[in-house]
């Protein structure tokens, strides 16, 4: 199963991080409007990411809610019919919530750098170090830690929870 090392932080100085990402990146920025619909799922998270009327991704992932960098194991299935799939999943599993965000994506080596503006939450930095076959988690964590230092992210800005959990704490989660 593919894996990456993830870490998330509250973005207190977006301009500083954007400047550093632009200097370090191999490609980007790319602006991506996303709606992530979450469904009941035992032992993991299941979400349908809608990127447009004819483009979506069904993503199942497992990861701990910890503030330090952590491993996420995932599977992705792409679909040209995200609205039909949304209806099927909602009626079959039940929807637990939705996260709407504008993502600015930069690629730095094997790392996806996300600057997210999340509706009802604010701005966040998210790093995903996509692990290569045979690459250790410790190597991925070292890459993430190095980027955090480049972006001057303080440890107290790190967030362990998923956006859907943060919204639930604010009473924004939709129960269906």
C-alpha atoms as a PDB file:
ATOM      1  CA  UNK A   1       0.000   0.000   0.000  1.00  0.00           C
ATOM      2  CA  UNK A   2       1.432   3.448  -0.848  1.00  0.00           C
ATOM      3  CA  UNK A   3       2.486   5.640   2.066  1.00  0.00           C
ATOM      4  CA  UNK A   4       3.553   9.148   2.815  1.00  0.00           C
ATOM      5  CA  UNK A   5       4.771  11.108   5.801  1.00  0.00           C
ATOM      6  CA  UNK A   6       2.383  13.901   6.701  1.00  0.00           C
ATOM      7  CA  UNK A   7       2.525  16.888   8.966  1.00  0.00           C
ATOM      8  CA  UNK A   8       0.142  19.816   9.351  1.00  0.00           C
ATOM      9  CA  UNK A   9       0.510  23.264  10.917  1.00  0.00           C
ATOM     10  CA  UNK A  10      -1.533  26.400  11.369  1.00  0.00           C
ATOM     11  CA  UNK A  11      -0.270  28.876   8.794  1.00  0.00           C
ATOM     12  CA  UNK A  12       0.424  32.116  10.681  1.00  0.00           C
ATOM     13  CA  UNK A  13       2.564  33.777   7.982  1.00  0.00           C
ATOM     14  CA  UNK A  14       1.330  32.616   4.590  1.00  0.00           C
ATOM     15  CA  UNK A  15       3.462  35.125   2.646  1.00  0.00           C
ATOM     16  CA  UNK A  16       6.708  33.861   4.245  1.00  0.00           C
ATOM     17  CA  UNK A  17       5.861  30.228   3.482  1.00  0.00           C
ATOM     18  CA  UNK A  18       4.713  31.017  -0.081  1.00  0.00           C
ATOM     19  CA  UNK A  19       7.972  32.847  -0.752  1.00  0.00           C
ATOM     20  CA  UNK A  20      10.044  29.931   0.581  1.00  0.00           C
ATOM     21  CA  UNK A  21       7.958  27.345  -1.327  1.00  0.00           C
ATOM     22  CA  UNK A  22       8.300  29.312  -4.582  1.00  0.00           C
ATOM     23  CA  UNK A  23      12.082  29.454  -4.084  1.00  0.00           C
ATOM     24  CA  UNK A  24      12.410  25.721  -3.335  1.00  0.00           C
ATOM     25  CA  UNK A  25       9.799  24.210  -5.653  1.00  0.00           C
ATOM     26  CA  UNK A  26      10.236  22.071  -8.725  1.00  0.00           C
ATOM     27  CA  UNK A  27       6.720  23.024  -9.853  1.00  0.00           C
ATOM     28  CA  UNK A  28       3.826  25.161  -8.712  1.00  0.00           C
ATOM     29  CA  UNK A  29       1.916  26.955  -7.592  1.00  0.00           C
ATOM     30  CA  UNK A  30      -1.207  25.148  -8.743  1.00  0.00           C
ATOM     31  CA  UNK A  31      -4.569  26.300  -7.349  1.00  0.00           C
ATOM     32  CA  UNK A  32      -7.039  23.482  -6.659  1.00  0.00           C
ATOM     33  CA  UNK A  33     -10.616  23.930  -5.414  1.00  0.00           C
ATOM     34  CA  UNK A  34     -11.585  20.823  -3.413  1.00  0.00           C
ATOM     35  CA  UNK A  35     -14.593  19.415  -1.616  1.00  0.00           C
ATOM     36  CA  UNK A  36     -13.871  16.352   0.505  1.00  0.00           C
ATOM     37  CA  UNK A  37     -16.929  14.315   1.557  1.00  0.00           C
ATOM     38  CA  UNK A  38     -16.327  11.865   4.402  1.00  0.00           C
ATOM     39  CA  UNK A  39     -18.213   8.617   5.000  1.00  0.00           C
ATOM     40  CA  UNK A  40     -18.622   6.130   7.827  1.00  0.00           C
ATOM     41  CA  UNK A  41     -15.697   3.721   7.724  1.00  0.00           C
ATOM     42  CA  UNK A  42     -14.337   1.407  10.407  1.00  0.00           C
ATOM     43  CA  UNK A  43     -10.573   1.432  11.023  1.00  0.00           C
ATOM     44  CA  UNK A  44      -9.750   4.164   8.502  1.00  0.00           C
ATOM     45  CA  UNK A  45     -11.062   7.305   6.844  1.00  0.00           C
ATOM     46  CA  UNK A  46     -12.940   7.253   3.564  1.00  0.00           C
ATOM     47  CA  UNK A  47     -13.443  10.415   1.548  1.00  0.00           C
ATOM     48  CA  UNK A  48     -14.538  11.396  -1.911  1.00  0.00           C
ATOM     49  CA  UNK A  49     -12.557  14.378  -3.164  1.00  0.00           C
ATOM     50  CA  UNK A  50     -14.496  16.292  -5.802  1.00  0.00           C
ATOM     51  CA  UNK A  51     -12.225  18.355  -8.029  1.00  0.00           C
ATOM     52  CA  UNK A  52     -14.812  19.157 -10.696  1.00  0.00           C
ATOM     53  CA  UNK A  53     -18.018  17.790 -12.236  1.00  0.00           C
ATOM     54  CA  UNK A  54     -16.067  15.132 -14.156  1.00  0.00           C
ATOM     55  CA  UNK A  55     -13.122  14.559 -11.836  1.00  0.00           C
ATOM     56  CA  UNK A  56     -12.923  12.992  -8.394  1.00  0.00           C
ATOM     57  CA  UNK A  57     -10.886  10.671  -6.195  1.00  0.00           C
ATOM     58  CA  UNK A  58     -12.091   8.120  -3.682  1.00  0.00           C
ATOM     59  CA  UNK A  59      -9.434   7.952  -0.975  1.00  0.00           C
ATOM     60  CA  UNK A  60      -9.129   5.500   1.913  1.00  0.00           C
ATOM     61  CA  UNK A  61      -6.375   6.269   4.398  1.00  0.00           C
ATOM     62  CA  UNK A  62      -5.076   5.266   7.816  1.00  0.00           C
ATOM     63  CA  UNK A  63      -3.043   7.621   9.970  1.00  0.00           C
ATOM     64  CA  UNK A  64      -2.655   8.576  13.599  1.00  0.00           C
ATOM     65  CA  UNK A  65      -3.849  11.938  14.903  1.00  0.00           C
ATOM     66  CA  UNK A  66      -0.522  13.153  16.287  1.00  0.00           C
ATOM     67  CA  UNK A  67       1.114  16.551  16.001  1.00  0.00           C
ATOM     68  CA  UNK A  68       4.477  15.251  14.825  1.00  0.00           C
ATOM     69  CA  UNK A  69       5.107  13.872  11.355  1.00  0.00           C
ATOM     70  CA  UNK A  70       3.277  10.576  10.908  1.00  0.00           C
ATOM     71  CA  UNK A  71       2.891   7.857   8.340  1.00  0.00           C
ATOM     72  CA  UNK A  72      -0.294   7.711   6.280  1.00  0.00           C
ATOM     73  CA  UNK A  73      -1.117   4.612   4.237  1.00  0.00           C
ATOM     74  CA  UNK A  74      -3.620   5.190   1.460  1.00  0.00           C
ATOM     75  CA  UNK A  75      -5.390   3.919  -1.632  1.00  0.00           C
ATOM     76  CA  UNK A  76      -6.813   6.213  -4.346  1.00  0.00           C
ATOM     77  CA  UNK A  77      -9.342   5.403  -7.074  1.00  0.00           C
ATOM     78  CA  UNK A  78     -10.027   8.115  -9.638  1.00  0.00           C
ATOM     79  CA  UNK A  79     -13.492   8.655 -11.127  1.00  0.00           C
ATOM     80  CA  UNK A  80     -15.003  10.703 -13.963  1.00  0.00           C
ATOM     81  CA  UNK A  81     -18.408  10.497 -12.184  1.00  0.00           C
ATOM     82  CA  UNK A  82     -17.878  11.972  -8.709  1.00  0.00           C
ATOM     83  CA  UNK A  83     -21.483  13.122  -8.221  1.00  0.00           C
ATOM     84  CA  UNK A  84     -22.892   9.646  -8.919  1.00  0.00           C
ATOM     85  CA  UNK A  85     -20.296   8.134  -6.589  1.00  0.00           C
ATOM     86  CA  UNK A  86     -21.183  10.727  -3.916  1.00  0.00           C
ATOM     87  CA  UNK A  87     -24.832   9.690  -4.117  1.00  0.00           C
ATOM     88  CA  UNK A  88     -23.980   5.980  -3.929  1.00  0.00           C
ATOM     89  CA  UNK A  89     -21.618   6.395  -0.949  1.00  0.00           C
ATOM     90  CA  UNK A  90     -23.984   8.740   0.919  1.00  0.00           C
ATOM     91  CA  UNK A  91     -26.920   6.347   0.525  1.00  0.00           C
ATOM     92  CA  UNK A  92     -24.843   3.254   1.304  1.00  0.00           C
ATOM     93  CA  UNK A  93     -22.473   4.332   4.089  1.00  0.00           C
ATOM     94  CA  UNK A  94     -23.808   7.660   5.348  1.00  0.00           C
ATOM     95  CA  UNK A  95     -21.917  10.914   5.131  1.00  0.00           C
ATOM     96  CA  UNK A  96     -20.135  12.230   8.238  1.00  0.00           C
ATOM     97  CA  UNK A  97     -19.054  15.630   6.968  1.00  0.00           C
ATOM     98  CA  UNK A  98     -17.552  17.792   4.283  1.00  0.00           C
ATOM     99  CA  UNK A  99     -14.388  19.895   4.074  1.00  0.00           C
ATOM    100  CA  UNK A 100     -14.185  22.693   1.514  1.00  0.00           C
ATOM    101  CA  UNK A 101     -10.825  24.220   0.720  1.00  0.00           C
ATOM    102  CA  UNK A 102      -8.750  26.130  -1.774  1.00  0.00           C
ATOM    103  CA  UNK A 103      -5.386  24.421  -2.021  1.00  0.00           C
ATOM    104  CA  UNK A 104      -2.202  25.952  -3.380  1.00  0.00           C
ATOM    105  CA  UNK A 105       0.083  23.074  -4.355  1.00  0.00           C
ATOM    106  CA  UNK A 106       3.863  23.184  -4.730  1.00  0.00           C
ATOM    107  CA  UNK A 107       6.065  20.166  -5.465  1.00  0.00           C
ATOM    108  CA  UNK A 108       9.468  20.110  -3.781  1.00  0.00           C
ATOM    109  CA  UNK A 109      11.306  16.902  -4.638  1.00  0.00           C
ATOM    110  CA  UNK A 110       9.092  14.066  -3.449  1.00  0.00           C
ATOM    111  CA  UNK A 111       7.048  16.364  -1.205  1.00  0.00           C
ATOM    112  CA  UNK A 112       3.638  17.822  -1.923  1.00  0.00           C
ATOM    113  CA  UNK A 113       3.414  21.176  -0.127  1.00  0.00           C
ATOM    114  CA  UNK A 114      -0.172  22.319   0.450  1.00  0.00           C
ATOM    115  CA  UNK A 115      -1.127  25.822   1.510  1.00  0.00           C
ATOM    116  CA  UNK A 116      -4.790  25.323   2.373  1.00  0.00           C
ATOM    117  CA  UNK A 117      -7.517  27.890   2.953  1.00  0.00           C
ATOM    118  CA  UNK A 118     -10.132  25.755   4.701  1.00  0.00           C
ATOM    119  CA  UNK A 119     -13.689  27.074   4.973  1.00  0.00           C
ATOM    120  CA  UNK A 120     -14.644  27.792   8.591  1.00  0.00           C
ATOM    121  CA  UNK A 121     -11.105  26.975   9.844  1.00  0.00           C
ATOM    122  CA  UNK A 122      -8.487  29.251   8.247  1.00  0.00           C
ATOM    123  CA  UNK A 123      -5.061  28.751   6.684  1.00  0.00           C
ATOM    124  CA  UNK A 124      -2.863  25.672   7.092  1.00  0.00           C
ATOM    125  CA  UNK A 125       0.376  24.207   5.786  1.00  0.00           C
ATOM    126  CA  UNK A 126       0.355  20.504   5.040  1.00  0.00           C
ATOM    127  CA  UNK A 127       3.358  18.479   3.895  1.00  0.00           C
ATOM    128  CA  UNK A 128       3.079  15.059   2.268  1.00  0.00           C
ATOM    129  CA  UNK A 129       6.415  13.358   1.687  1.00  0.00           C
ATOM    130  CA  UNK A 130       5.495  10.588  -0.769  1.00  0.00           C
ATOM    131  CA  UNK A 131       7.635   7.611   0.218  1.00  0.00           C
ATOM    132  CA  UNK A 132       9.396   5.751  -2.558  1.00  0.00           C
ATOM    133  CA  UNK A 133       9.339   1.930  -2.555  1.00  0.00           C
ATOM    134  CA  UNK A 134      11.769   0.757   0.107  1.00  0.00           C
ATOM    135  CA  UNK A 135      12.275   4.237   1.567  1.00  0.00           C
ATOM    136  CA  UNK A 136      12.075   4.335   5.365  1.00  0.00           C
ATOM    137  CA  UNK A 137       9.641   6.394   7.388  1.00  0.00           C
ATOM    138  CA  UNK A 138      12.603   7.998   9.179  1.00  0.00           C
ATOM    139  CA  UNK A 139      13.944   9.318   5.843  1.00  0.00           C
ATOM    140  CA  UNK A 140      10.542  10.802   5.065  1.00  0.00           C
ATOM    141  CA  UNK A 141      10.311  12.371   8.510  1.00  0.00           C
ATOM    142  CA  UNK A 142      13.767  13.931   8.063  1.00  0.00           C
ATOM    143  CA  UNK A 143      12.612  15.504   4.778  1.00  0.00           C
ATOM    144  CA  UNK A 144       9.454  16.870   6.437  1.00  0.00           C
ATOM    145  CA  UNK A 145      11.419  18.250   9.394  1.00  0.00           C
ATOM    146  CA  UNK A 146      13.882  19.940   7.044  1.00  0.00           C
ATOM    147  CA  UNK A 147      11.053  21.644   5.146  1.00  0.00           C
ATOM    148  CA  UNK A 148       9.422  22.780   8.383  1.00  0.00           C
ATOM    149  CA  UNK A 149      12.729  24.436   9.291  1.00  0.00           C
ATOM    150  CA  UNK A 150      12.926  26.122   5.848  1.00  0.00           C
ATOM    151  CA  UNK A 151       9.374  27.422   6.333  1.00  0.00           C
ATOM    152  CA  UNK A 152      10.185  28.542   9.914  1.00  0.00           C
ATOM    153  CA  UNK A 153       7.257  26.632  11.392  1.00  0.00           C
ATOM    154  CA  UNK A 154       7.251  26.561  15.185  1.00  0.00           C
ATOM    155  CA  UNK A 155       6.389  23.228  16.847  1.00  0.00           C
ATOM    156  CA  UNK A 156       3.528  24.904  18.743  1.00  0.00           C
ATOM    157  CA  UNK A 157       1.811  25.543  15.366  1.00  0.00           C
ATOM    158  CA  UNK A 158       1.601  21.804  14.557  1.00  0.00           C
ATOM    159  CA  UNK A 159      -1.844  20.211  14.365  1.00  0.00           C
ATOM    160  CA  UNK A 160      -2.534  16.515  14.872  1.00  0.00           C
ATOM    161  CA  UNK A 161      -6.135  16.336  13.762  1.00  0.00           C
ATOM    162  CA  UNK A 162      -7.689  16.089  10.312  1.00  0.00           C
ATOM    163  CA  UNK A 163      -9.660  19.077   9.032  1.00  0.00           C
ATOM    164  CA  UNK A 164     -12.883  17.079   9.394  1.00  0.00           C
ATOM    165  CA  UNK A 165     -12.133  16.573  13.113  1.00  0.00           C
ATOM    166  CA  UNK A 166     -11.331  20.263  13.615  1.00  0.00           C
ATOM    167  CA  UNK A 167     -14.651  21.169  11.980  1.00  0.00           C
ATOM    168  CA  UNK A 168     -16.478  18.662  14.195  1.00  0.00           C
ATOM    169  CA  UNK A 169     -15.042  20.400  17.276  1.00  0.00           C
ATOM    170  CA  UNK A 170     -16.487  23.654  15.937  1.00  0.00           C
ATOM    171  CA  UNK A 171     -19.883  22.004  15.386  1.00  0.00           C
ATOM    172  CA  UNK A 172     -19.585  22.214  11.576  1.00  0.00           C
ATOM    173  CA  UNK A 173     -19.764  18.509  10.745  1.00  0.00           C
ATOM    174  CA  UNK A 174     -22.849  17.494   8.784  1.00  0.00           C
ATOM    175  CA  UNK A 175     -24.450  14.259   9.967  1.00  0.00           C
ATOM    176  CA  UNK A 176     -26.493  12.376   7.363  1.00  0.00           C
END
